[in-house]
Amino acid sequence: MSIQLVKATIDDLDTVRQIGIDTFYESFASVNTEENMAHYLKTGFSLERVASELNNPFSEFHLAYDGGKLIGYLKINHGPAQSELKDSTSLEIERIYVLQAWQGLKIGQLFYDKAIEIARTHQYAYVWLGVWEENKKAIGFYKRNGFVEFDKHLFKLGDDIQTDIMMRREL
């Protein structure tokens, strides 16, 4: 297994959109209604929305390839692109998603390490993220990497209001 991380550009629009849909569906379809999933995938990963995110100079997508196979992605946000805090001294990890067949192979750790490297390059004071309170596997991963809970916020998936735990790690 030879994993390569590549920073995405607007030329990767269809690729980023498809890996977003595939990984989100794999991760959450079994614990949400079909209607809520369909609505979120249609709106959250619309061509217009993903293009806007890719064109935002304060957001970055990094794609992971195993050989030529796309297996996951990282999305991070600086300053005004952050979904919640918009703190110029922090970096938000908005998404780390890996296809199920590659989970448990340290791909998430590669993405996490890349985000920390970028945050340190920018000399940010801390990194933060929101993670669904029911995603115990992800919460455990972030705790093992030094994150602590500091708040909660609501996330709307279709007509279902869910709670995300907000976590941060000082750098």
Protein backbone atom coordinates (compact mmCIF):
# COMPACT_ATOMS: atom_id res chain seq x y z
CA MET A 1 0.00 0.00 0.00
CA SER A 2 1.48 3.30 -1.11
CA ILE A 3 -0.67 6.25 -0.07
CA GLN A 4 -0.24 9.59 -1.83
CA LEU A 5 -1.84 12.83 -0.61
CA VAL A 6 -2.65 15.39 -3.31
CA LYS A 7 -4.04 18.89 -2.81
CA ALA A 8 -7.25 19.26 -4.82
CA THR A 9 -7.99 22.12 -7.22
CA ILE A 10 -11.16 23.20 -9.01
CA ASP A 11 -10.15 20.73 -11.76
CA ASP A 12 -10.94 17.98 -9.22
CA LEU A 13 -14.55 19.17 -8.74
CA ASP A 14 -16.25 15.93 -9.84
CA THR A 15 -13.72 13.81 -7.96
CA VAL A 16 -14.10 15.74 -4.69
CA ARG A 17 -17.87 15.73 -4.99
CA GLN A 18 -18.01 11.96 -5.63
CA ILE A 19 -15.66 10.98 -2.78
CA GLY A 20 -17.65 13.25 -0.49
CA ILE A 21 -20.92 11.55 -1.43
CA ASP A 22 -19.45 8.04 -1.28
CA THR A 23 -17.76 8.40 2.10
CA PHE A 24 -20.62 10.29 3.76
CA TYR A 25 -23.11 7.71 2.54
CA GLU A 26 -20.96 4.79 3.73
CA SER A 27 -20.47 6.44 7.11
CA PHE A 28 -24.01 7.52 7.92
CA ALA A 29 -26.67 5.87 5.72
CA SER A 30 -27.24 3.04 8.19
CA VAL A 31 -28.08 5.44 11.05
CA ASN A 32 -30.18 8.04 9.21
CA THR A 33 -33.36 7.91 7.14
CA GLU A 34 -33.14 7.50 3.39
CA GLU A 35 -34.94 10.83 2.91
CA ASN A 36 -32.58 12.77 5.18
CA MET A 37 -29.53 11.21 3.53
CA ALA A 38 -30.83 11.97 0.03
CA HIS A 39 -31.55 15.58 0.98
CA TYR A 40 -28.14 16.12 2.60
CA LEU A 41 -26.19 14.49 -0.24
CA LYS A 42 -28.10 16.59 -2.81
CA THR A 43 -27.52 19.90 -0.99
CA GLY A 44 -24.26 19.31 0.88
CA PHE A 45 -22.48 17.95 -2.17
CA SER A 46 -24.14 19.90 -4.98
CA LEU A 47 -21.83 20.92 -7.83
CA GLU A 48 -22.33 24.59 -6.92
CA ARG A 49 -21.50 24.08 -3.25
CA VAL A 50 -18.40 21.93 -3.83
CA ALA A 51 -17.17 24.34 -6.53
CA SER A 52 -17.61 27.25 -4.11
CA GLU A 53 -15.66 25.38 -1.43
CA LEU A 54 -12.86 24.45 -3.86
CA ASN A 55 -12.65 28.06 -5.06
CA ASN A 56 -12.50 29.45 -1.51
CA PRO A 57 -8.90 30.54 -0.86
CA PHE A 58 -9.41 29.82 2.87
CA SER A 59 -10.42 26.15 2.36
CA GLU A 60 -8.27 23.21 1.29
CA PHE A 61 -9.08 19.69 0.17
CA HIS A 62 -6.46 16.96 0.20
CA LEU A 63 -7.19 13.66 -1.56
CA ALA A 64 -5.69 10.27 -0.64
CA TYR A 65 -4.86 7.76 -3.37
CA ASP A 66 -3.80 4.16 -2.95
CA GLY A 67 -2.11 3.56 -6.26
CA GLY A 68 -4.60 5.16 -8.64
CA LYS A 69 -7.63 4.55 -6.40
CA LEU A 70 -9.16 7.53 -4.58
CA ILE A 71 -9.83 6.38 -1.02
CA GLY A 72 -10.61 9.47 1.06
CA TYR A 73 -10.22 13.18 1.65
CA LEU A 74 -9.45 15.89 4.16
CA LYS A 75 -11.11 19.32 4.22
CA ILE A 76 -9.65 22.09 6.35
CA ASN A 77 -10.68 25.72 6.78
CA HIS A 78 -8.68 28.80 7.67
CA GLY A 79 -10.04 32.06 9.15
CA PRO A 80 -13.29 33.21 7.51
CA ALA A 81 -13.99 29.81 5.88
CA GLN A 82 -14.37 28.15 9.26
CA SER A 83 -17.86 26.84 9.86
CA GLU A 84 -18.21 28.14 13.38
CA LEU A 85 -15.44 29.96 15.27
CA LYS A 86 -13.83 31.93 12.41
CA ASP A 87 -10.78 32.45 14.63
CA SER A 88 -7.69 33.71 12.79
CA THR A 89 -5.49 31.87 15.31
CA SER A 90 -6.99 28.44 14.55
CA LEU A 91 -7.49 25.85 11.83
CA GLU A 92 -10.72 23.88 11.47
CA ILE A 93 -10.63 20.25 10.41
CA GLU A 94 -14.04 20.08 8.78
CA ARG A 95 -13.85 16.58 7.32
CA ILE A 96 -11.67 13.50 7.44
CA TYR A 97 -13.40 10.75 5.47
CA VAL A 98 -11.99 7.42 4.32
CA LEU A 99 -13.77 4.68 2.37
CA GLN A 100 -14.65 1.78 4.67
CA ALA A 101 -12.40 -0.69 2.86
CA TRP A 102 -9.39 1.46 3.84
CA GLN A 103 -10.43 2.27 7.40
CA GLY A 104 -8.11 0.96 10.11
CA LEU A 105 -5.07 1.42 7.86
CA LYS A 106 -3.96 4.78 9.34
CA ILE A 107 -5.26 6.87 6.41
CA GLY A 108 -7.18 9.12 8.83
CA GLN A 109 -3.96 9.56 10.80
CA LEU A 110 -2.17 10.67 7.61
CA PHE A 111 -4.87 13.28 7.01
CA TYR A 112 -4.75 14.38 10.64
CA ASP A 113 -0.95 14.71 10.52
CA LYS A 114 -1.26 16.78 7.32
CA ALA A 115 -3.74 19.14 9.01
CA ILE A 116 -1.43 19.57 12.02
CA GLU A 117 1.53 20.22 9.71
CA ILE A 118 -0.45 22.94 7.90
CA ALA A 119 -1.61 24.48 11.20
CA ARG A 120 1.96 24.60 12.49
CA THR A 121 3.20 26.12 9.21
CA HIS A 122 0.66 28.93 9.73
CA GLN A 123 1.64 29.17 13.41
CA TYR A 124 -1.93 28.69 14.59
CA ALA A 125 -2.55 28.41 18.33
CA TYR A 126 -4.94 25.46 18.05
CA VAL A 127 -6.91 23.13 15.78
CA TRP A 128 -10.62 22.46 16.27
CA LEU A 129 -13.42 20.38 14.79
CA GLY A 130 -16.99 19.22 15.25
CA VAL A 131 -17.82 15.51 15.42
CA TRP A 132 -21.25 13.87 15.71
CA GLU A 133 -21.84 12.75 19.29
CA GLU A 134 -22.84 9.26 18.05
CA ASN A 135 -19.59 8.78 16.10
CA LYS A 136 -17.72 7.09 18.96
CA LYS A 137 -14.95 5.79 16.68
CA ALA A 138 -14.07 9.31 15.48
CA ILE A 139 -14.33 10.79 18.98
CA GLY A 140 -11.90 8.13 20.24
CA PHE A 141 -9.51 8.91 17.36
CA TYR A 142 -9.49 12.63 18.18
CA LYS A 143 -9.07 12.02 21.92
CA ARG A 144 -6.07 9.74 21.20
CA ASN A 145 -4.63 12.66 19.20
CA GLY A 146 -4.93 15.10 22.09
CA PHE A 147 -8.30 16.76 21.42
CA VAL A 148 -10.59 17.79 24.27
CA GLU A 149 -14.27 18.70 24.21
CA PHE A 150 -15.03 22.41 24.63
CA ASP A 151 -18.59 22.95 23.37
CA LYS A 152 -21.46 21.51 21.30
CA HIS A 153 -23.36 22.71 18.26
CA LEU A 154 -26.34 21.53 16.27
CA PHE A 155 -26.09 19.94 12.83
CA LYS A 156 -29.14 19.54 10.61
CA LEU A 157 -29.35 16.42 8.48
CA GLY A 158 -32.59 16.75 6.53
CA ASP A 159 -35.26 17.15 9.22
CA ASP A 160 -33.11 15.55 11.94
CA ILE A 161 -31.33 17.88 14.36
CA GLN A 162 -28.13 16.21 15.58
CA THR A 163 -25.55 17.31 18.14
CA ASP A 164 -21.88 17.68 17.27
CA ILE A 165 -19.26 17.74 19.97
CA MET A 166 -16.76 20.53 19.36
CA MET A 167 -13.20 19.52 20.18
CA ARG A 168 -9.87 21.34 20.12
CA ARG A 169 -6.18 20.69 20.46
CA GLU A 170 -3.67 23.33 21.45
CA LEU A 171 -0.52 23.43 19.32
